[in-house]
Amino acid sequence: MEFTAKARYVRVSPQKARLVLSLIKGMRVEAALNTLAFTNKGIAPSVLKLLRSAVENASYLSAEKGLDVDLDNLFVKSAIANDGPRMKRIRPAPMGRAYRYQRRMTHIELELAEKKKAAAPAAGKDGAAETPAKKLLRKPAVKKMLARKTVARKTAPKAKK
């Protein structure tokens, strides 16, 4: 099950919002909340508020529809910052001229999903399940090298008679 939250017409450029969103993509919700709380970007509080909203959407849907959702198991599946409308503005310039500039807006979308629970690992030779730590410690199968390179030895120069 996926849960979404959207913030539209946020007064920040999409490029700046994408910097913060790239920090939290793929993170668990708890870690993402901590990351956003200590990020020194202007958009971080808005993204934090949006993430909390997505978590509340998940808890509301789990309560209303009777879904079995583990809120501790949620992670940020996708975080997107799309362009919103632009406001065209004019800045006074020298000699009576005017320079045009644009104030950008962003539509931010967050999507949360629940991590799948890992299936039981396959049993090894002794019947016990093999843990990831044991996999790392396991020695790889030794292959006999058929064509082994030998180091050429230098022969000593022959003595002159």
N, C-alpha and C. Protein backbone atom coordinates (compact mmCIF):
# COMPACT_ATOMS: atom_id res chain seq x y z
N MET A 1 0.85 -1.18 0.00
CA MET A 1 0.00 0.00 0.00
C MET A 1 0.89 1.24 0.00
N GLU A 2 0.48 2.25 -0.73
CA GLU A 2 1.25 3.49 -0.82
C GLU A 2 0.40 4.65 -0.33
N PHE A 3 1.05 5.59 0.33
CA PHE A 3 0.37 6.75 0.90
C PHE A 3 1.05 8.01 0.39
N THR A 4 0.25 8.99 -0.03
CA THR A 4 0.81 10.19 -0.63
C THR A 4 0.38 11.44 0.12
N ALA A 5 1.16 12.48 -0.08
CA ALA A 5 0.83 13.83 0.39
C ALA A 5 1.39 14.80 -0.63
N LYS A 6 0.64 15.87 -0.90
CA LYS A 6 1.07 16.84 -1.90
C LYS A 6 1.00 18.25 -1.31
N ALA A 7 1.98 19.05 -1.67
CA ALA A 7 1.97 20.47 -1.33
C ALA A 7 2.09 21.22 -2.65
N ARG A 8 1.14 22.07 -2.93
CA ARG A 8 1.13 22.77 -4.21
C ARG A 8 1.37 24.25 -3.99
N TYR A 9 1.93 24.88 -5.01
CA TYR A 9 2.19 26.33 -5.03
C TYR A 9 3.11 26.76 -3.89
N VAL A 10 4.15 25.99 -3.64
CA VAL A 10 5.14 26.34 -2.63
C VAL A 10 6.09 27.37 -3.24
N ARG A 11 6.35 28.46 -2.54
CA ARG A 11 7.14 29.56 -3.09
C ARG A 11 8.64 29.30 -2.94
N VAL A 12 9.13 28.34 -3.69
CA VAL A 12 10.55 28.04 -3.75
C VAL A 12 10.81 27.45 -5.13
N SER A 13 12.01 27.60 -5.63
CA SER A 13 12.30 27.05 -6.94
C SER A 13 12.40 25.52 -6.84
N PRO A 14 11.99 24.82 -7.90
CA PRO A 14 12.05 23.36 -7.86
C PRO A 14 13.46 22.83 -7.64
N GLN A 15 14.46 23.53 -8.15
CA GLN A 15 15.85 23.07 -7.99
C GLN A 15 16.24 23.05 -6.51
N LYS A 16 15.85 24.06 -5.77
CA LYS A 16 16.17 24.10 -4.34
C LYS A 16 15.41 23.03 -3.57
N ALA A 17 14.17 22.78 -3.98
CA ALA A 17 13.38 21.75 -3.30
C ALA A 17 13.96 20.37 -3.58
N ARG A 18 14.45 20.14 -4.80
CA ARG A 18 15.01 18.83 -5.15
C ARG A 18 16.27 18.52 -4.34
N LEU A 19 17.02 19.54 -3.95
CA LEU A 19 18.20 19.32 -3.11
C LEU A 19 17.82 18.66 -1.79
N VAL A 20 16.74 19.14 -1.19
CA VAL A 20 16.31 18.60 0.10
C VAL A 20 15.63 17.25 -0.08
N LEU A 21 14.83 17.11 -1.15
CA LEU A 21 14.12 15.86 -1.37
C LEU A 21 15.07 14.71 -1.67
N SER A 22 16.19 15.01 -2.32
CA SER A 22 17.15 13.95 -2.63
C SER A 22 17.80 13.41 -1.35
N LEU A 23 17.80 14.20 -0.29
CA LEU A 23 18.36 13.73 0.99
C LEU A 23 17.53 12.61 1.60
N ILE A 24 16.21 12.67 1.41
CA ILE A 24 15.34 11.74 2.14
C ILE A 24 14.80 10.60 1.28
N LYS A 25 15.08 10.59 -0.01
CA LYS A 25 14.57 9.51 -0.87
C LYS A 25 15.12 8.17 -0.41
N GLY A 26 14.24 7.20 -0.25
CA GLY A 26 14.65 5.86 0.12
C GLY A 26 14.88 5.66 1.61
N MET A 27 14.78 6.71 2.41
CA MET A 27 15.01 6.59 3.85
C MET A 27 13.76 6.10 4.57
N ARG A 28 13.97 5.51 5.74
CA ARG A 28 12.85 5.20 6.61
C ARG A 28 12.30 6.52 7.13
N VAL A 29 11.01 6.53 7.49
CA VAL A 29 10.34 7.77 7.86
C VAL A 29 10.99 8.41 9.08
N GLU A 30 11.36 7.62 10.05
CA GLU A 30 11.97 8.16 11.27
C GLU A 30 13.30 8.86 10.96
N ALA A 31 14.11 8.23 10.13
CA ALA A 31 15.39 8.83 9.75
C ALA A 31 15.18 10.07 8.90
N ALA A 32 14.18 10.05 8.03
CA ALA A 32 13.88 11.22 7.19
C ALA A 32 13.41 12.40 8.03
N LEU A 33 12.61 12.14 9.05
CA LEU A 33 12.15 13.22 9.94
C LEU A 33 13.34 13.85 10.67
N ASN A 34 14.27 13.02 11.15
CA ASN A 34 15.45 13.54 11.83
C ASN A 34 16.33 14.34 10.87
N THR A 35 16.49 13.85 9.65
CA THR A 35 17.32 14.54 8.67
C THR A 35 16.73 15.91 8.35
N LEU A 36 15.42 15.97 8.15
CA LEU A 36 14.78 17.24 7.81
C LEU A 36 14.80 18.22 8.99
N ALA A 37 14.74 17.69 10.20
CA ALA A 37 14.74 18.58 11.37
C ALA A 37 16.07 19.32 11.51
N PHE A 38 17.16 18.71 11.03
CA PHE A 38 18.48 19.32 11.19
C PHE A 38 19.08 19.81 9.87
N THR A 39 18.26 19.95 8.83
CA THR A 39 18.74 20.45 7.55
C THR A 39 18.60 21.97 7.52
N ASN A 40 19.67 22.65 7.12
CA ASN A 40 19.67 24.11 7.12
C ASN A 40 19.26 24.71 5.78
N LYS A 41 18.19 24.24 5.22
CA LYS A 41 17.65 24.81 3.99
C LYS A 41 16.29 25.41 4.31
N GLY A 42 15.94 26.46 3.60
CA GLY A 42 14.68 27.16 3.87
C GLY A 42 13.45 26.32 3.62
N ILE A 43 13.53 25.39 2.69
CA ILE A 43 12.38 24.56 2.34
C ILE A 43 12.21 23.36 3.27
N ALA A 44 13.21 23.06 4.08
CA ALA A 44 13.18 21.86 4.94
C ALA A 44 11.96 21.82 5.89
N PRO A 45 11.58 22.92 6.54
CA PRO A 45 10.39 22.85 7.40
C PRO A 45 9.10 22.52 6.62
N SER A 46 8.99 23.01 5.40
CA SER A 46 7.80 22.69 4.59
C SER A 46 7.77 21.22 4.21
N VAL A 47 8.93 20.66 3.87
CA VAL A 47 9.00 19.24 3.51
C VAL A 47 8.75 18.39 4.76
N LEU A 48 9.24 18.84 5.91
CA LEU A 48 9.00 18.13 7.17
C LEU A 48 7.51 18.07 7.47
N LYS A 49 6.83 19.19 7.29
CA LYS A 49 5.38 19.25 7.51
C LYS A 49 4.65 18.31 6.54
N LEU A 50 5.12 18.26 5.29
CA LEU A 50 4.51 17.40 4.29
C LEU A 50 4.73 15.93 4.62
N LEU A 51 5.91 15.59 5.10
CA LEU A 51 6.21 14.20 5.48
C LEU A 51 5.34 13.77 6.66
N ARG A 52 5.17 14.65 7.62
CA ARG A 52 4.28 14.33 8.76
C ARG A 52 2.84 14.13 8.28
N SER A 53 2.44 14.93 7.30
CA SER A 53 1.10 14.78 6.73
C SER A 53 0.93 13.43 6.06
N ALA A 54 1.96 12.98 5.34
CA ALA A 54 1.89 11.68 4.68
C ALA A 54 1.80 10.55 5.70
N VAL A 55 2.52 10.68 6.81
CA VAL A 55 2.46 9.66 7.87
C VAL A 55 1.07 9.65 8.49
N GLU A 56 0.49 10.83 8.70
CA GLU A 56 -0.87 10.91 9.25
C GLU A 56 -1.89 10.33 8.27
N ASN A 57 -1.67 10.55 6.97
CA ASN A 57 -2.55 9.94 5.98
C ASN A 57 -2.50 8.42 6.08
N ALA A 58 -1.30 7.89 6.29
CA ALA A 58 -1.15 6.44 6.42
C ALA A 58 -1.86 5.92 7.66
N SER A 59 -1.71 6.62 8.78
CA SER A 59 -2.36 6.15 10.01
C SER A 59 -3.88 6.29 9.91
N TYR A 60 -4.36 7.34 9.25
CA TYR A 60 -5.80 7.54 9.08
C TYR A 60 -6.39 6.43 8.21
N LEU A 61 -5.74 6.15 7.09
CA LEU A 61 -6.24 5.10 6.20
C LEU A 61 -6.19 3.72 6.85
N SER A 62 -5.16 3.49 7.66
CA SER A 62 -5.07 2.20 8.33
C SER A 62 -6.20 2.05 9.35
N ALA A 63 -6.58 3.15 10.01
CA ALA A 63 -7.66 3.09 11.00
C ALA A 63 -9.03 3.03 10.33
N GLU A 64 -9.24 3.82 9.27
CA GLU A 64 -10.55 3.90 8.63
C GLU A 64 -10.87 2.67 7.78
N LYS A 65 -9.92 2.24 7.00
CA LYS A 65 -10.17 1.12 6.09
C LYS A 65 -9.80 -0.23 6.69
N GLY A 66 -9.29 -0.21 7.90
CA GLY A 66 -8.94 -1.46 8.56
C GLY A 66 -7.72 -2.13 7.97
N LEU A 67 -6.83 -1.34 7.37
CA LEU A 67 -5.61 -1.90 6.79
C LEU A 67 -4.61 -2.17 7.90
N ASP A 68 -3.81 -3.18 7.70
CA ASP A 68 -2.78 -3.51 8.68
C ASP A 68 -1.48 -2.84 8.24
N VAL A 69 -1.26 -1.61 8.71
CA VAL A 69 -0.08 -0.83 8.32
C VAL A 69 0.80 -0.63 9.54
N ASP A 70 2.06 -1.01 9.41
CA ASP A 70 3.04 -0.79 10.47
C ASP A 70 3.73 0.55 10.19
N LEU A 71 3.43 1.57 10.97
CA LEU A 71 3.96 2.91 10.71
C LEU A 71 5.47 2.97 10.89
N ASP A 72 6.02 2.06 11.71
CA ASP A 72 7.48 2.04 11.90
C ASP A 72 8.19 1.45 10.69
N ASN A 73 7.44 0.81 9.80
CA ASN A 73 8.02 0.12 8.66
C ASN A 73 7.91 0.94 7.37
N LEU A 74 7.43 2.18 7.47
CA LEU A 74 7.26 3.01 6.27
C LEU A 74 8.58 3.62 5.84
N PHE A 75 8.73 3.82 4.52
CA PHE A 75 9.89 4.51 3.98
C PHE A 75 9.44 5.44 2.86
N VAL A 76 10.29 6.40 2.51
CA VAL A 76 9.98 7.37 1.47
C VAL A 76 10.25 6.72 0.12
N LYS A 77 9.19 6.37 -0.58
CA LYS A 77 9.35 5.68 -1.86
C LYS A 77 9.76 6.66 -2.95
N SER A 78 9.08 7.80 -3.01
CA SER A 78 9.47 8.81 -4.00
C SER A 78 9.19 10.19 -3.44
N ALA A 79 10.01 11.13 -3.86
CA ALA A 79 9.87 12.52 -3.47
C ALA A 79 10.16 13.36 -4.71
N ILE A 80 9.14 14.05 -5.20
CA ILE A 80 9.24 14.75 -6.48
C ILE A 80 8.91 16.22 -6.28
N ALA A 81 9.69 17.07 -6.96
CA ALA A 81 9.40 18.51 -6.99
C ALA A 81 9.19 18.91 -8.45
N ASN A 82 7.95 19.21 -8.80
CA ASN A 82 7.61 19.62 -10.16
C ASN A 82 7.47 21.13 -10.24
N ASP A 83 7.59 21.66 -11.46
CA ASP A 83 7.40 23.09 -11.68
C ASP A 83 5.94 23.47 -11.46
N GLY A 84 5.75 24.60 -10.81
CA GLY A 84 4.43 25.19 -10.70
C GLY A 84 4.38 26.39 -11.62
N PRO A 85 3.36 27.22 -11.50
CA PRO A 85 3.30 28.42 -12.34
C PRO A 85 4.38 29.41 -11.93
N ARG A 86 4.74 30.28 -12.85
CA ARG A 86 5.75 31.29 -12.57
C ARG A 86 5.09 32.66 -12.54
N MET A 87 5.56 33.48 -11.61
CA MET A 87 5.06 34.86 -11.56
C MET A 87 6.07 35.74 -12.28
N LYS A 88 5.61 36.49 -13.25
CA LYS A 88 6.50 37.38 -13.99
C LYS A 88 6.54 38.72 -13.26
N ARG A 89 7.73 39.17 -12.99
CA ARG A 89 7.92 40.43 -12.27
C ARG A 89 8.86 41.32 -13.06
N ILE A 90 8.84 42.62 -12.74
CA ILE A 90 9.69 43.58 -13.43
C ILE A 90 10.52 44.32 -12.39
N ARG A 91 11.82 44.44 -12.67
CA ARG A 91 12.74 45.16 -11.81
C ARG A 91 13.19 46.42 -12.54
N PRO A 92 13.16 47.55 -11.88
CA PRO A 92 13.63 48.78 -12.54
C PRO A 92 15.11 48.69 -12.89
N ALA A 93 15.46 49.23 -14.02
CA ALA A 93 16.83 49.18 -14.52
C ALA A 93 17.27 50.60 -14.86
N PRO A 94 18.55 50.80 -15.09
CA PRO A 94 19.04 52.15 -15.38
C PRO A 94 18.43 52.74 -16.66
N MET A 95 18.40 54.04 -16.70
CA MET A 95 17.96 54.82 -17.88
C MET A 95 16.53 54.49 -18.28
N GLY A 96 15.67 54.26 -17.30
CA GLY A 96 14.25 54.08 -17.57
C GLY A 96 13.87 52.71 -18.12
N ARG A 97 14.81 51.81 -18.19
CA ARG A 97 14.48 50.48 -18.70
C ARG A 97 13.94 49.60 -17.58
N ALA A 98 13.50 48.39 -17.97
CA ALA A 98 12.97 47.43 -17.00
C ALA A 98 13.50 46.04 -17.33
N TYR A 99 13.94 45.34 -16.29
CA TYR A 99 14.39 43.97 -16.46
C TYR A 99 13.29 43.04 -15.95
N ARG A 100 13.01 41.99 -16.73
CA ARG A 100 12.00 41.02 -16.30
C ARG A 100 12.68 39.87 -15.57
N TYR A 101 12.02 39.35 -14.56
CA TYR A 101 12.49 38.15 -13.88
C TYR A 101 11.28 37.32 -13.45
N GLN A 102 11.54 36.07 -13.08
CA GLN A 102 10.45 35.16 -12.75
C GLN A 102 10.60 34.64 -11.32
N ARG A 103 9.47 34.61 -10.61
CA ARG A 103 9.44 34.00 -9.28
C ARG A 103 8.83 32.61 -9.46
N ARG A 104 9.60 31.59 -9.14
CA ARG A 104 9.17 30.22 -9.40
C ARG A 104 8.37 29.63 -8.23
N MET A 105 7.51 28.69 -8.56
CA MET A 105 6.74 27.94 -7.57
C MET A 105 6.92 26.45 -7.84
N THR A 106 6.61 25.64 -6.83
CA THR A 106 6.87 24.20 -6.90
C THR A 106 5.66 23.43 -6.40
N HIS A 107 5.41 22.29 -7.03
CA HIS A 107 4.46 21.32 -6.51
C HIS A 107 5.28 20.13 -6.00
N ILE A 108 5.17 19.83 -4.70
CA ILE A 108 5.95 18.75 -4.09
C ILE A 108 5.04 17.56 -3.81
N GLU A 109 5.50 16.37 -4.16
CA GLU A 109 4.75 15.13 -3.91
C GLU A 109 5.65 14.16 -3.14
N LEU A 110 5.12 13.63 -2.05
CA LEU A 110 5.81 12.59 -1.28
C LEU A 110 4.98 11.32 -1.32
N GLU A 111 5.63 10.20 -1.50
CA GLU A 111 4.96 8.92 -1.53
C GLU A 111 5.65 7.98 -0.57
N LEU A 112 4.88 7.46 0.38
CA LEU A 112 5.40 6.51 1.36
C LEU A 112 4.90 5.12 1.03
N ALA A 113 5.71 4.13 1.33
CA ALA A 113 5.31 2.73 1.13
C ALA A 113 5.82 1.93 2.31
N GLU A 114 5.23 0.77 2.47
CA GLU A 114 5.63 -0.11 3.57
C GLU A 114 6.65 -1.11 3.06
N LYS A 115 7.74 -1.28 3.79
CA LYS A 115 8.76 -2.26 3.40
C LYS A 115 8.19 -3.65 3.55
N LYS A 116 8.50 -4.47 2.55
CA LYS A 116 8.07 -5.86 2.61
C LYS A 116 8.89 -6.58 3.67
N LYS A 117 8.26 -7.46 4.39
CA LYS A 117 9.00 -8.24 5.38
C LYS A 117 9.79 -9.31 4.64
N ALA A 118 11.02 -9.46 5.02
CA ALA A 118 11.90 -10.42 4.35
C ALA A 118 11.41 -11.84 4.60
N ALA A 119 11.48 -12.65 3.56
CA ALA A 119 11.10 -14.06 3.71
C ALA A 119 12.14 -14.77 4.57
N ALA A 120 11.75 -15.88 5.15
CA ALA A 120 12.68 -16.63 5.99
C ALA A 120 13.85 -17.11 5.14
N PRO A 121 15.08 -16.91 5.60
CA PRO A 121 16.22 -17.34 4.81
C PRO A 121 16.27 -18.86 4.68
N ALA A 122 16.84 -19.31 3.58
CA ALA A 122 16.93 -20.75 3.32
C ALA A 122 17.87 -21.39 4.34
N ALA A 123 17.55 -22.60 4.71
CA ALA A 123 18.37 -23.31 5.69
C ALA A 123 19.64 -23.81 5.04
N GLY A 124 20.73 -23.79 5.77
CA GLY A 124 22.02 -24.26 5.28
C GLY A 124 22.14 -25.77 5.43
N LYS A 125 23.38 -26.27 5.40
CA LYS A 125 23.63 -27.70 5.49
C LYS A 125 23.23 -28.26 6.85
N ASP A 126 23.48 -27.46 7.90
CA ASP A 126 23.20 -27.96 9.25
C ASP A 126 21.75 -27.70 9.68
N GLY A 127 20.92 -27.15 8.78
CA GLY A 127 19.51 -26.94 9.07
C GLY A 127 19.21 -25.58 9.67
N ALA A 128 20.22 -24.86 10.14
CA ALA A 128 20.00 -23.54 10.72
C ALA A 128 19.97 -22.49 9.62
N ALA A 129 19.20 -21.46 9.86
CA ALA A 129 19.12 -20.39 8.87
C ALA A 129 20.43 -19.61 8.85
N GLU A 130 20.86 -19.24 7.65
CA GLU A 130 22.13 -18.53 7.51
C GLU A 130 21.89 -17.03 7.61
N THR A 131 22.56 -16.39 8.54
CA THR A 131 22.40 -14.95 8.72
C THR A 131 23.30 -14.21 7.75
N PRO A 132 23.01 -12.92 7.50
CA PRO A 132 23.86 -12.16 6.60
C PRO A 132 25.31 -12.08 7.07
N ALA A 133 25.53 -12.05 8.39
CA ALA A 133 26.90 -12.00 8.91
C ALA A 133 27.65 -13.29 8.57
N LYS A 134 26.95 -14.42 8.65
CA LYS A 134 27.59 -15.69 8.32
C LYS A 134 27.91 -15.77 6.83
N LYS A 135 27.05 -15.17 6.01
CA LYS A 135 27.32 -15.15 4.57
C LYS A 135 28.62 -14.43 4.27
N LEU A 136 28.84 -13.33 5.00
CA LEU A 136 30.07 -12.57 4.77
C LEU A 136 31.31 -13.33 5.22
N LEU A 137 31.15 -14.11 6.30
CA LEU A 137 32.30 -14.83 6.84
C LEU A 137 32.59 -16.12 6.08
N ARG A 138 31.62 -16.58 5.32
CA ARG A 138 31.79 -17.83 4.58
C ARG A 138 32.88 -17.67 3.53
N LYS A 139 33.75 -18.67 3.44
CA LYS A 139 34.84 -18.61 2.46
C LYS A 139 34.32 -19.01 1.10
N PRO A 140 34.75 -18.34 0.05
CA PRO A 140 34.30 -18.72 -1.28
C PRO A 140 34.89 -20.06 -1.68
N ALA A 141 34.22 -20.74 -2.60
CA ALA A 141 34.69 -22.03 -3.08
C ALA A 141 36.03 -21.85 -3.79
N VAL A 142 36.95 -22.74 -3.48
CA VAL A 142 38.29 -22.63 -4.04
C VAL A 142 38.30 -23.32 -5.41
N LYS A 143 38.75 -22.60 -6.40
CA LYS A 143 38.85 -23.17 -7.74
C LYS A 143 40.31 -23.43 -8.02
N LYS A 144 40.56 -24.58 -8.57
CA LYS A 144 41.94 -24.90 -8.91
C LYS A 144 42.29 -24.18 -10.19
N MET A 145 43.41 -23.57 -10.17
CA MET A 145 43.86 -22.85 -11.35
C MET A 145 44.62 -23.82 -12.24
N LEU A 146 44.09 -24.02 -13.43
CA LEU A 146 44.73 -24.96 -14.34
C LEU A 146 45.96 -24.37 -14.97
N ALA A 147 45.84 -23.17 -15.42
CA ALA A 147 46.97 -22.55 -16.12
C ALA A 147 47.54 -21.49 -15.20
N ARG A 148 48.48 -21.86 -14.39
CA ARG A 148 49.07 -20.92 -13.45
C ARG A 148 50.33 -20.34 -14.07
N LYS A 149 50.42 -19.06 -14.00
CA LYS A 149 51.60 -18.41 -14.56
C LYS A 149 52.77 -18.57 -13.60
N THR A 150 53.89 -18.93 -14.14
CA THR A 150 55.07 -19.06 -13.31
C THR A 150 55.98 -17.87 -13.56
N VAL A 151 56.64 -17.48 -12.54
CA VAL A 151 57.54 -16.35 -12.64
C VAL A 151 58.85 -16.84 -13.26
N ALA A 152 59.29 -16.17 -14.28
CA ALA A 152 60.55 -16.56 -14.94
C ALA A 152 61.71 -16.18 -14.06
N ARG A 153 62.65 -17.12 -13.88
CA ARG A 153 63.82 -16.85 -13.05
C ARG A 153 64.96 -16.41 -13.94
N LYS A 154 65.66 -15.47 -13.44
CA LYS A 154 66.83 -15.02 -14.20
C LYS A 154 67.98 -15.98 -13.94
N THR A 155 68.63 -16.33 -15.01
CA THR A 155 69.79 -17.23 -14.85
C THR A 155 71.03 -16.39 -14.60
N ALA A 156 71.89 -16.96 -13.82
CA ALA A 156 73.13 -16.25 -13.49
C ALA A 156 74.03 -16.23 -14.72
N PRO A 157 74.75 -15.16 -14.97
CA PRO A 157 75.62 -15.12 -16.14
C PRO A 157 76.75 -16.15 -15.99
N LYS A 158 77.09 -16.74 -17.10
CA LYS A 158 78.15 -17.75 -17.08
C LYS A 158 79.48 -17.09 -16.89
N ALA A 159 80.31 -17.74 -16.09
CA ALA A 159 81.66 -17.19 -15.84
C ALA A 159 82.55 -17.46 -17.05
N LYS A 160 83.41 -16.51 -17.38
CA LYS A 160 84.32 -16.64 -18.51
C LYS A 160 85.56 -17.39 -18.07
N LYS A 161 86.07 -18.22 -18.97
CA LYS A 161 87.29 -18.96 -18.64
C LYS A 161 88.46 -18.36 -19.29
